[in-house]
Amino acid sequence: MRSFPIMSQFGIPIVFDVTHSLQLPGGLGHATGGLSQYIEPLARAGVACGVDAVFMEVHDAPERAPSDGPNMLPLERMEPLLLMLSDLHALVRRRANKAAN
């Protein structure tokens, strides 16, 4: 997370690849595992640290996804997360603008 404020000083948009940051290569022994239960908190933390966008793999049934299923966000959890991230992003930007002025 400390990298996000550092990268923001370069003046270019920062995209956080949330789902791949939770990937566990070989974690299932025969395939890649993942920690999808942490997608929402890490996405919120990234936005709170100033990222401009999040990348997330989403599937209506991650257990049936051809690849990366263990680190995918189930589709039904996407809308509430995006709404929260949008609100959080607006709050962070407002606070940053106030601090700059």
Protein backbone atom coordinates (compact mmCIF):
# COMPACT_ATOMS: atom_id res chain seq x y z
CA MET A 1 0.00 0.00 0.00
CA ARG A 2 2.88 2.40 0.62
CA SER A 3 3.73 2.28 -3.08
CA PHE A 4 0.47 3.95 -4.10
CA PRO A 5 1.18 7.37 -2.54
CA ILE A 6 4.75 7.16 -3.87
CA MET A 7 3.56 6.37 -7.41
CA SER A 8 0.95 9.14 -7.28
CA GLN A 9 3.80 11.66 -7.23
CA PHE A 10 4.58 10.72 -10.86
CA GLY A 11 1.31 12.33 -11.96
CA ILE A 12 -0.05 9.35 -13.89
CA PRO A 13 -3.10 7.21 -13.12
CA ILE A 14 -2.50 4.26 -10.80
CA VAL A 15 -4.35 0.98 -11.42
CA PHE A 16 -4.37 -1.65 -8.67
CA ASP A 17 -4.74 -5.25 -9.84
CA VAL A 18 -6.57 -6.46 -6.76
CA THR A 19 -7.39 -10.02 -7.75
CA HIS A 20 -3.93 -10.92 -9.05
CA SER A 21 -2.36 -9.55 -5.89
CA LEU A 22 -4.28 -12.29 -4.08
CA GLN A 23 -3.20 -15.08 -6.39
CA LEU A 24 -1.28 -18.01 -4.93
CA PRO A 25 0.67 -19.69 -7.75
CA GLY A 26 0.57 -23.45 -7.20
CA GLY A 27 -1.59 -22.88 -4.13
CA LEU A 28 -3.90 -25.76 -4.96
CA GLY A 29 -1.05 -28.12 -5.74
CA HIS A 30 -2.25 -28.73 -9.28
CA ALA A 31 -3.39 -25.17 -10.07
CA THR A 32 -3.24 -21.58 -8.91
CA GLY A 33 -5.05 -20.77 -5.69
CA GLY A 34 -6.20 -17.46 -4.34
CA LEU A 35 -7.59 -15.53 -1.41
CA SER A 36 -10.76 -13.98 -2.83
CA GLN A 37 -12.10 -13.22 0.65
CA TYR A 38 -9.67 -10.28 0.75
CA ILE A 39 -10.73 -8.62 -2.51
CA GLU A 40 -13.08 -6.10 -0.93
CA PRO A 41 -10.79 -4.97 1.90
CA LEU A 42 -7.74 -4.66 -0.37
CA ALA A 43 -9.72 -2.77 -3.00
CA ARG A 44 -10.97 -0.35 -0.32
CA ALA A 45 -7.44 0.07 1.04
CA GLY A 46 -6.06 0.77 -2.42
CA VAL A 47 -8.66 3.42 -3.14
CA ALA A 48 -8.09 4.95 0.30
CA CYS A 49 -4.36 5.12 -0.57
CA GLY A 50 -5.14 7.03 -3.75
CA VAL A 51 -5.36 4.58 -6.64
CA ASP A 52 -7.35 5.81 -9.61
CA ALA A 53 -8.73 2.45 -10.75
CA VAL A 54 -8.95 -1.15 -9.66
CA PHE A 55 -8.70 -4.22 -11.85
CA MET A 56 -10.68 -7.24 -10.69
CA GLU A 57 -11.47 -10.53 -12.30
CA VAL A 58 -15.17 -11.24 -11.84
CA HIS A 59 -17.22 -14.33 -12.67
CA ASP A 60 -20.80 -15.37 -12.00
CA ALA A 61 -19.50 -18.74 -10.72
CA PRO A 62 -15.77 -18.53 -9.87
CA GLU A 63 -15.69 -22.22 -8.98
CA ARG A 64 -16.47 -22.98 -12.65
CA ALA A 65 -14.11 -20.40 -14.17
CA PRO A 66 -11.59 -21.90 -16.61
CA SER A 67 -8.73 -20.11 -14.83
CA ASP A 68 -8.07 -17.86 -11.82
CA GLY A 69 -11.36 -18.84 -10.14
CA PRO A 70 -9.90 -18.90 -6.61
CA ASN A 71 -8.94 -15.24 -6.81
CA MET A 72 -12.07 -13.95 -8.58
CA LEU A 73 -14.82 -11.80 -7.17
CA PRO A 74 -18.25 -13.43 -7.46
CA LEU A 75 -20.43 -11.28 -9.73
CA GLU A 76 -23.10 -10.66 -7.07
CA ARG A 77 -20.48 -8.91 -4.87
CA MET A 78 -19.33 -6.53 -7.61
CA GLU A 79 -22.02 -3.83 -7.59
CA PRO A 80 -21.95 -3.18 -3.83
CA LEU A 81 -18.16 -3.04 -3.92
CA LEU A 82 -18.07 -0.64 -6.87
CA LEU A 83 -20.57 1.67 -5.18
CA MET A 84 -18.48 1.70 -2.02
CA LEU A 85 -15.26 2.26 -3.95
CA SER A 86 -16.83 5.16 -5.85
CA ASP A 87 -17.94 6.80 -2.59
CA LEU A 88 -14.54 6.23 -1.01
CA HIS A 89 -12.73 7.62 -4.06
CA ALA A 90 -14.85 10.78 -3.94
CA LEU A 91 -14.12 11.22 -0.23
CA VAL A 92 -10.38 10.73 -0.69
CA ARG A 93 -10.31 13.24 -3.56
CA ARG A 94 -12.31 15.83 -1.57
CA ARG A 95 -9.95 15.49 1.41
CA ALA A 96 -6.87 15.68 -0.84
CA ASN A 97 -8.19 18.82 -2.54
CA LYS A 98 -8.92 20.45 0.84
CA ALA A 99 -5.41 19.60 2.08
CA ALA A 100 -3.87 21.06 -1.07
CA ASN A 101 -5.69 24.38 -0.68
